[in-house]
Amino acid sequence: MSVGGSACYPDVAILDPMLIVNIPFWPAVNAGLDALTHAVEACCTTLSTPLTDCIAMEAIRLIYRNLAPMVFTGDLEAKNMQLLASTMANIACGNAKLGLVHALSQPLGARHLPHGYANGIMLPFVMEFNLPVCKEKFAAMAVAMGEEGLTSSTGELAEQAIVLIKKLYLELGFPNKLDEKKVNPKDIPDMVERAKTRPQWKVNLRKSTDEDLAGIYEKAFKGWEL
């Protein structure tokens, strides 16, 4: 359950990498991909602004460079940068709000999938859905993740952003689809109805129908390939 309101915001956030030195592998990966989702989604809502986009883009840049070394090694600087990026992503989405990934992941959480894991699974599929209305922002994300794009069109760069995130998943050993042993595909109609109750569904930059939402879930069960 989400808890909101101004009284929930801290006066101070202490970003100490020593606090996450011993975090287990999968909680670290799930939390890292949750932060990445926060940053990507902050750019894809009707409430995003140039200011929140700037903060989110820098968060994406830092996460893309630091998440793998953060989870695979004892590199304190990588852990420090990941904490900073996670905080920046939350600042961005705290103001621009979140989109369709979070709306679709909530029903998965109700089926006992960890929140960050569910977001990580759904992120590439929602990015593909949002691509037609987010080309310029996805292109900027690709550049933030290291794609030079000197001879690439905006559309090519935008598609490359999704490819780069999938490559990060492969590096992390993160799944490319929903596991039918954990979530029953027959539950898709119920999950669609639940997703439509989430406020994130309303502010996603590309509007979606029941058929759209069901289609995204169906693709998530099939999985992606590079």
C-alpha atoms as a PDB file:
ATOM      1  CA  MET A   1       0.000   0.000   0.000  1.00  0.00           C
ATOM      2  CA  SER A   2       1.224   3.494  -0.808  1.00  0.00           C
ATOM      3  CA  VAL A   3       1.138   6.137   1.905  1.00  0.00           C
ATOM      4  CA  GLY A   4       1.162   9.767   0.785  1.00  0.00           C
ATOM      5  CA  GLY A   5       0.942  13.292   2.102  1.00  0.00           C
ATOM      6  CA  SER A   6       3.361  16.067   2.950  1.00  0.00           C
ATOM      7  CA  ALA A   7       3.952  14.661   6.440  1.00  0.00           C
ATOM      8  CA  CYS A   8       5.621  11.610   4.852  1.00  0.00           C
ATOM      9  CA  TYR A   9       8.496  13.557   3.303  1.00  0.00           C
ATOM     10  CA  PRO A  10      11.775  13.478   5.267  1.00  0.00           C
ATOM     11  CA  ASP A  11      13.620  16.638   6.218  1.00  0.00           C
ATOM     12  CA  VAL A  12      16.955  14.918   5.565  1.00  0.00           C
ATOM     13  CA  ALA A  13      18.001  11.887   3.513  1.00  0.00           C
ATOM     14  CA  ILE A  14      21.283  10.224   4.492  1.00  0.00           C
ATOM     15  CA  LEU A  15      22.837   8.493   1.478  1.00  0.00           C
ATOM     16  CA  ASP A  16      25.468   6.260   3.048  1.00  0.00           C
ATOM     17  CA  PRO A  17      26.775   3.448   0.794  1.00  0.00           C
ATOM     18  CA  MET A  18      27.963   1.551   3.868  1.00  0.00           C
ATOM     19  CA  LEU A  19      24.310   0.904   4.707  1.00  0.00           C
ATOM     20  CA  ILE A  20      23.861  -1.222   1.572  1.00  0.00           C
ATOM     21  CA  VAL A  21      27.176  -3.089   1.499  1.00  0.00           C
ATOM     22  CA  ASN A  22      25.505  -6.333   2.547  1.00  0.00           C
ATOM     23  CA  ILE A  23      22.211  -6.010   0.698  1.00  0.00           C
ATOM     24  CA  PRO A  24      21.348  -9.379  -0.948  1.00  0.00           C
ATOM     25  CA  PHE A  25      21.683  -9.627  -4.726  1.00  0.00           C
ATOM     26  CA  TRP A  26      18.029  -9.793  -5.803  1.00  0.00           C
ATOM     27  CA  PRO A  27      16.711  -7.076  -3.474  1.00  0.00           C
ATOM     28  CA  ALA A  28      19.526  -4.875  -4.812  1.00  0.00           C
ATOM     29  CA  VAL A  29      18.625  -5.612  -8.440  1.00  0.00           C
ATOM     30  CA  ASN A  30      14.902  -5.156  -7.844  1.00  0.00           C
ATOM     31  CA  ALA A  31      15.417  -1.870  -5.998  1.00  0.00           C
ATOM     32  CA  GLY A  32      17.788  -0.652  -8.716  1.00  0.00           C
ATOM     33  CA  LEU A  33      15.339  -1.402 -11.507  1.00  0.00           C
ATOM     34  CA  ASP A  34      12.560   0.198  -9.476  1.00  0.00           C
ATOM     35  CA  ALA A  35      14.665   3.361  -9.356  1.00  0.00           C
ATOM     36  CA  LEU A  36      15.299   3.138 -13.095  1.00  0.00           C
ATOM     37  CA  THR A  37      11.555   2.792 -13.656  1.00  0.00           C
ATOM     38  CA  HIS A  38      10.918   5.867 -11.496  1.00  0.00           C
ATOM     39  CA  ALA A  39      13.273   7.903 -13.665  1.00  0.00           C
ATOM     40  CA  VAL A  40      11.931   6.650 -17.003  1.00  0.00           C
ATOM     41  CA  GLU A  41       8.311   7.051 -15.968  1.00  0.00           C
ATOM     42  CA  ALA A  42       8.846  10.559 -14.619  1.00  0.00           C
ATOM     43  CA  CYS A  43       9.564  11.569 -18.215  1.00  0.00           C
ATOM     44  CA  CYS A  44       6.441   9.898 -19.602  1.00  0.00           C
ATOM     45  CA  THR A  45       3.585  11.543 -17.728  1.00  0.00           C
ATOM     46  CA  THR A  46       1.345  14.487 -18.455  1.00  0.00           C
ATOM     47  CA  LEU A  47       2.864  16.228 -15.413  1.00  0.00           C
ATOM     48  CA  SER A  48       6.518  16.079 -16.456  1.00  0.00           C
ATOM     49  CA  THR A  49       8.408  19.356 -16.849  1.00  0.00           C
ATOM     50  CA  PRO A  50      11.833  20.332 -18.207  1.00  0.00           C
ATOM     51  CA  LEU A  51      13.073  20.410 -14.615  1.00  0.00           C
ATOM     52  CA  THR A  52      11.861  16.923 -13.696  1.00  0.00           C
ATOM     53  CA  ASP A  53      13.132  15.616 -17.049  1.00  0.00           C
ATOM     54  CA  CYS A  54      16.640  16.922 -16.315  1.00  0.00           C
ATOM     55  CA  ILE A  55      16.728  15.250 -12.905  1.00  0.00           C
ATOM     56  CA  ALA A  56      15.322  12.007 -14.310  1.00  0.00           C
ATOM     57  CA  MET A  57      17.799  11.909 -17.216  1.00  0.00           C
ATOM     58  CA  GLU A  58      20.758  12.260 -14.875  1.00  0.00           C
ATOM     59  CA  ALA A  59      19.314   9.506 -12.687  1.00  0.00           C
ATOM     60  CA  ILE A  60      19.075   7.257 -15.761  1.00  0.00           C
ATOM     61  CA  ARG A  61      22.684   8.045 -16.693  1.00  0.00           C
ATOM     62  CA  LEU A  62      23.941   7.179 -13.208  1.00  0.00           C
ATOM     63  CA  ILE A  63      21.853   4.014 -12.830  1.00  0.00           C
ATOM     64  CA  TYR A  64      22.897   2.671 -16.220  1.00  0.00           C
ATOM     65  CA  ARG A  65      26.571   3.068 -15.315  1.00  0.00           C
ATOM     66  CA  ASN A  66      26.459   2.001 -11.692  1.00  0.00           C
ATOM     67  CA  LEU A  67      23.742  -0.605 -11.100  1.00  0.00           C
ATOM     68  CA  ALA A  68      25.722  -3.621 -12.344  1.00  0.00           C
ATOM     69  CA  PRO A  69      28.927  -2.823 -10.416  1.00  0.00           C
ATOM     70  CA  MET A  70      26.786  -1.890  -7.413  1.00  0.00           C
ATOM     71  CA  VAL A  71      25.183  -5.359  -7.249  1.00  0.00           C
ATOM     72  CA  PHE A  72      28.119  -7.477  -8.451  1.00  0.00           C
ATOM     73  CA  THR A  73      31.024  -5.855  -6.578  1.00  0.00           C
ATOM     74  CA  GLY A  74      31.936  -4.060  -3.386  1.00  0.00           C
ATOM     75  CA  ASP A  75      32.557  -0.802  -5.265  1.00  0.00           C
ATOM     76  CA  LEU A  76      31.516   1.833  -2.733  1.00  0.00           C
ATOM     77  CA  GLU A  77      31.512   4.618  -5.309  1.00  0.00           C
ATOM     78  CA  ALA A  78      29.062   2.656  -7.475  1.00  0.00           C
ATOM     79  CA  LYS A  79      26.866   2.090  -4.434  1.00  0.00           C
ATOM     80  CA  ASN A  80      27.088   5.778  -3.578  1.00  0.00           C
ATOM     81  CA  MET A  81      26.113   6.829  -7.111  1.00  0.00           C
ATOM     82  CA  GLN A  82      23.228   4.347  -7.128  1.00  0.00           C
ATOM     83  CA  LEU A  83      21.869   5.822  -3.904  1.00  0.00           C
ATOM     84  CA  LEU A  84      22.175   9.310  -5.344  1.00  0.00           C
ATOM     85  CA  ALA A  85      20.480   8.258  -8.581  1.00  0.00           C
ATOM     86  CA  SER A  86      17.659   6.542  -6.712  1.00  0.00           C
ATOM     87  CA  THR A  87      17.053   9.715  -4.726  1.00  0.00           C
ATOM     88  CA  MET A  88      17.083  11.844  -7.880  1.00  0.00           C
ATOM     89  CA  ALA A  89      14.636   9.477  -9.560  1.00  0.00           C
ATOM     90  CA  ASN A  90      12.299   9.828  -6.602  1.00  0.00           C
ATOM     91  CA  ILE A  91      12.569  13.609  -6.697  1.00  0.00           C
ATOM     92  CA  ALA A  92      11.635  13.492 -10.379  1.00  0.00           C
ATOM     93  CA  CYS A  93       8.698  11.108 -10.041  1.00  0.00           C
ATOM     94  CA  GLY A  94       7.600  12.711  -6.781  1.00  0.00           C
ATOM     95  CA  ASN A  95       6.823  15.810  -8.824  1.00  0.00           C
ATOM     96  CA  ALA A  96       6.010  14.401 -12.273  1.00  0.00           C
ATOM     97  CA  LYS A  97       4.284  11.295 -10.882  1.00  0.00           C
ATOM     98  CA  LEU A  98       4.451   7.802 -12.372  1.00  0.00           C
ATOM     99  CA  GLY A  99       2.901   6.101 -15.366  1.00  0.00           C
ATOM    100  CA  LEU A 100       1.693   2.869 -16.852  1.00  0.00           C
ATOM    101  CA  VAL A 101       4.474   0.617 -15.537  1.00  0.00           C
ATOM    102  CA  HIS A 102       3.375   1.276 -11.985  1.00  0.00           C
ATOM    103  CA  ALA A 103      -0.297   0.960 -12.860  1.00  0.00           C
ATOM    104  CA  LEU A 104       0.339  -2.465 -14.398  1.00  0.00           C
ATOM    105  CA  SER A 105       2.720  -3.632 -11.668  1.00  0.00           C
ATOM    106  CA  GLN A 106       0.264  -3.041  -8.823  1.00  0.00           C
ATOM    107  CA  PRO A 107      -1.889  -6.076  -9.746  1.00  0.00           C
ATOM    108  CA  LEU A 108       1.321  -8.122  -9.944  1.00  0.00           C
ATOM    109  CA  GLY A 109       2.216  -7.010  -6.434  1.00  0.00           C
ATOM    110  CA  ALA A 110      -1.192  -8.208  -5.320  1.00  0.00           C
ATOM    111  CA  ARG A 111      -0.029 -11.596  -6.634  1.00  0.00           C
ATOM    112  CA  HIS A 112       3.040 -11.434  -4.384  1.00  0.00           C
ATOM    113  CA  LEU A 113       5.647 -10.333  -6.910  1.00  0.00           C
ATOM    114  CA  PRO A 114       8.155  -7.917  -5.326  1.00  0.00           C
ATOM    115  CA  HIS A 115       7.413  -4.346  -6.376  1.00  0.00           C
ATOM    116  CA  GLY A 116      10.758  -3.597  -8.018  1.00  0.00           C
ATOM    117  CA  TYR A 117      10.749  -6.968  -9.754  1.00  0.00           C
ATOM    118  CA  ALA A 118       7.278  -6.347 -11.178  1.00  0.00           C
ATOM    119  CA  ASN A 119       8.276  -2.886 -12.401  1.00  0.00           C
ATOM    120  CA  GLY A 120      11.430  -4.276 -13.964  1.00  0.00           C
ATOM    121  CA  ILE A 121       9.472  -6.918 -15.838  1.00  0.00           C
ATOM    122  CA  MET A 122       6.937  -4.446 -17.209  1.00  0.00           C
ATOM    123  CA  LEU A 123       9.276  -1.540 -18.051  1.00  0.00           C
ATOM    124  CA  PRO A 124      10.459  -2.644 -21.540  1.00  0.00           C
ATOM    125  CA  PHE A 125       6.937  -3.533 -22.654  1.00  0.00           C
ATOM    126  CA  VAL A 126       5.475  -0.221 -21.496  1.00  0.00           C
ATOM    127  CA  MET A 127       8.354   1.681 -23.110  1.00  0.00           C
ATOM    128  CA  GLU A 128       7.507  -0.036 -26.389  1.00  0.00           C
ATOM    129  CA  PHE A 129       3.872   0.995 -25.941  1.00  0.00           C
ATOM    130  CA  ASN A 130       4.830   4.593 -25.100  1.00  0.00           C
ATOM    131  CA  LEU A 131       7.395   4.851 -27.898  1.00  0.00           C
ATOM    132  CA  PRO A 132       5.114   6.646 -30.416  1.00  0.00           C
ATOM    133  CA  VAL A 133       4.595   9.593 -28.035  1.00  0.00           C
ATOM    134  CA  CYS A 134       7.980   9.567 -26.264  1.00  0.00           C
ATOM    135  CA  LYS A 135      10.493   9.419 -29.119  1.00  0.00           C
ATOM    136  CA  GLU A 136      12.353  12.602 -28.232  1.00  0.00           C
ATOM    137  CA  LYS A 137      12.566  11.704 -24.551  1.00  0.00           C
ATOM    138  CA  PHE A 138      13.625   8.120 -25.245  1.00  0.00           C
ATOM    139  CA  ALA A 139      16.258   9.428 -27.657  1.00  0.00           C
ATOM    140  CA  ALA A 140      17.601  11.644 -24.863  1.00  0.00           C
ATOM    141  CA  MET A 141      17.629   8.598 -22.563  1.00  0.00           C
ATOM    142  CA  ALA A 142      19.719   6.670 -25.102  1.00  0.00           C
ATOM    143  CA  VAL A 143      22.258   9.490 -25.155  1.00  0.00           C
ATOM    144  CA  ALA A 144      22.258   9.583 -21.340  1.00  0.00           C
ATOM    145  CA  MET A 145      23.028   5.850 -21.343  1.00  0.00           C
ATOM    146  CA  GLY A 146      26.026   6.385 -23.614  1.00  0.00           C
ATOM    147  CA  GLU A 147      24.691   6.095 -27.153  1.00  0.00           C
ATOM    148  CA  GLU A 148      26.496   8.683 -29.278  1.00  0.00           C
ATOM    149  CA  GLY A 149      23.828   8.877 -31.957  1.00  0.00           C
ATOM    150  CA  LEU A 150      25.812  11.178 -34.211  1.00  0.00           C
ATOM    151  CA  THR A 151      24.316   9.645 -37.347  1.00  0.00           C
ATOM    152  CA  SER A 152      21.121   8.256 -35.857  1.00  0.00           C
ATOM    153  CA  SER A 153      17.649   9.682 -36.241  1.00  0.00           C
ATOM    154  CA  THR A 154      15.487  10.501 -33.247  1.00  0.00           C
ATOM    155  CA  GLY A 155      13.410   7.394 -33.929  1.00  0.00           C
ATOM    156  CA  GLU A 156      16.468   5.153 -34.092  1.00  0.00           C
ATOM    157  CA  LEU A 157      17.847   6.590 -30.869  1.00  0.00           C
ATOM    158  CA  ALA A 158      14.483   6.170 -29.147  1.00  0.00           C
ATOM    159  CA  GLU A 159      14.381   2.487 -30.065  1.00  0.00           C
ATOM    160  CA  GLN A 160      17.978   2.094 -28.949  1.00  0.00           C
ATOM    161  CA  ALA A 161      17.042   3.295 -25.456  1.00  0.00           C
ATOM    162  CA  ILE A 162      14.838   0.217 -25.080  1.00  0.00           C
ATOM    163  CA  VAL A 163      17.606  -2.007 -26.460  1.00  0.00           C
ATOM    164  CA  LEU A 164      20.123  -0.598 -23.986  1.00  0.00           C
ATOM    165  CA  ILE A 165      17.816  -1.284 -21.049  1.00  0.00           C
ATOM    166  CA  LYS A 166      17.321  -4.857 -22.277  1.00  0.00           C
ATOM    167  CA  LYS A 167      21.106  -5.252 -22.478  1.00  0.00           C
ATOM    168  CA  LEU A 168      21.354  -4.083 -18.875  1.00  0.00           C
ATOM    169  CA  TYR A 169      18.807  -6.755 -17.934  1.00  0.00           C
ATOM    170  CA  LEU A 170      20.933  -9.407 -19.657  1.00  0.00           C
ATOM    171  CA  GLU A 171      23.999  -8.184 -17.764  1.00  0.00           C
ATOM    172  CA  LEU A 172      22.075  -8.454 -14.493  1.00  0.00           C
ATOM    173  CA  GLY A 173      20.517 -11.827 -15.351  1.00  0.00           C
ATOM    174  CA  PHE A 174      17.069 -10.289 -14.949  1.00  0.00           C
ATOM    175  CA  PRO A 175      14.067 -12.129 -16.484  1.00  0.00           C
ATOM    176  CA  ASN A 176      12.673 -11.061 -19.845  1.00  0.00           C
ATOM    177  CA  LYS A 177       9.077 -12.095 -19.169  1.00  0.00           C
ATOM    178  CA  LEU A 178       6.398 -12.834 -16.611  1.00  0.00           C
ATOM    179  CA  ASP A 179       6.607 -16.302 -15.098  1.00  0.00           C
ATOM    180  CA  GLU A 180       3.349 -18.227 -15.601  1.00  0.00           C
ATOM    181  CA  LYS A 181       4.194 -20.233 -12.475  1.00  0.00           C
ATOM    182  CA  LYS A 182       3.946 -17.009 -10.459  1.00  0.00           C
ATOM    183  CA  VAL A 183       1.157 -15.204 -12.323  1.00  0.00           C
ATOM    184  CA  ASN A 184      -1.690 -16.917 -14.176  1.00  0.00           C
ATOM    185  CA  PRO A 185      -2.320 -15.489 -17.679  1.00  0.00           C
ATOM    186  CA  LYS A 186      -6.013 -16.187 -17.112  1.00  0.00           C
ATOM    187  CA  ASP A 187      -5.926 -13.341 -14.570  1.00  0.00           C
ATOM    188  CA  ILE A 188      -5.247 -10.719 -17.245  1.00  0.00           C
ATOM    189  CA  PRO A 189      -8.840  -9.359 -17.326  1.00  0.00           C
ATOM    190  CA  ASP A 190      -8.816  -8.888 -13.551  1.00  0.00           C
ATOM    191  CA  MET A 191      -5.354  -7.292 -13.653  1.00  0.00           C
ATOM    192  CA  VAL A 192      -6.528  -4.870 -16.345  1.00  0.00           C
ATOM    193  CA  GLU A 193      -9.443  -3.774 -14.176  1.00  0.00           C
ATOM    194  CA  ARG A 194      -7.146  -3.309 -11.190  1.00  0.00           C
ATOM    195  CA  ALA A 195      -4.617  -1.340 -13.247  1.00  0.00           C
ATOM    196  CA  LYS A 196      -7.337   1.096 -14.345  1.00  0.00           C
ATOM    197  CA  THR A 197      -8.029   1.979 -10.705  1.00  0.00           C
ATOM    198  CA  ARG A 198      -4.482   3.297 -10.288  1.00  0.00           C
ATOM    199  CA  PRO A 199      -3.902   7.057 -10.629  1.00  0.00           C
ATOM    200  CA  GLN A 200      -0.787   6.366 -12.717  1.00  0.00           C
ATOM    201  CA  TRP A 201      -2.976   5.030 -15.521  1.00  0.00           C
ATOM    202  CA  LYS A 202      -4.605   8.437 -15.903  1.00  0.00           C
ATOM    203  CA  VAL A 203      -1.393  10.479 -16.208  1.00  0.00           C
ATOM    204  CA  ASN A 204       0.551   8.188 -18.527  1.00  0.00           C
ATOM    205  CA  LEU A 205       1.499  10.215 -21.589  1.00  0.00           C
ATOM    206  CA  ARG A 206      -0.077   7.739 -24.023  1.00  0.00           C
ATOM    207  CA  LYS A 207      -3.678   6.901 -23.222  1.00  0.00           C
ATOM    208  CA  SER A 208      -4.634   3.232 -23.169  1.00  0.00           C
ATOM    209  CA  THR A 209      -7.731   1.108 -23.558  1.00  0.00           C
ATOM    210  CA  ASP A 210      -8.602  -2.211 -21.944  1.00  0.00           C
ATOM    211  CA  GLU A 211      -7.320  -3.905 -25.094  1.00  0.00           C
ATOM    212  CA  ASP A 212      -4.037  -2.001 -24.884  1.00  0.00           C
ATOM    213  CA  LEU A 213      -3.471  -3.008 -21.268  1.00  0.00           C
ATOM    214  CA  ALA A 214      -4.336  -6.637 -21.953  1.00  0.00           C
ATOM    215  CA  GLY A 215      -1.978  -6.583 -24.920  1.00  0.00           C
ATOM    216  CA  ILE A 216       0.904  -5.324 -22.804  1.00  0.00           C
ATOM    217  CA  TYR A 217       0.344  -8.099 -20.264  1.00  0.00           C
ATOM    218  CA  GLU A 218       0.147 -10.675 -23.060  1.00  0.00           C
ATOM    219  CA  LYS A 219       3.464  -9.480 -24.479  1.00  0.00           C
ATOM    220  CA  ALA A 220       4.971  -9.643 -20.987  1.00  0.00           C
ATOM    221  CA  PHE A 221       4.033 -13.316 -20.755  1.00  0.00           C
ATOM    222  CA  LYS A 222       5.621 -13.992 -24.165  1.00  0.00           C
ATOM    223  CA  GLY A 223       8.799 -12.095 -23.307  1.00  0.00           C
ATOM    224  CA  TRP A 224      11.248 -10.054 -25.370  1.00  0.00           C
ATOM    225  CA  GLU A 225      14.370 -10.915 -27.342  1.00  0.00           C
ATOM    226  CA  LEU A 226      17.272  -8.890 -28.689  1.00  0.00           C
END
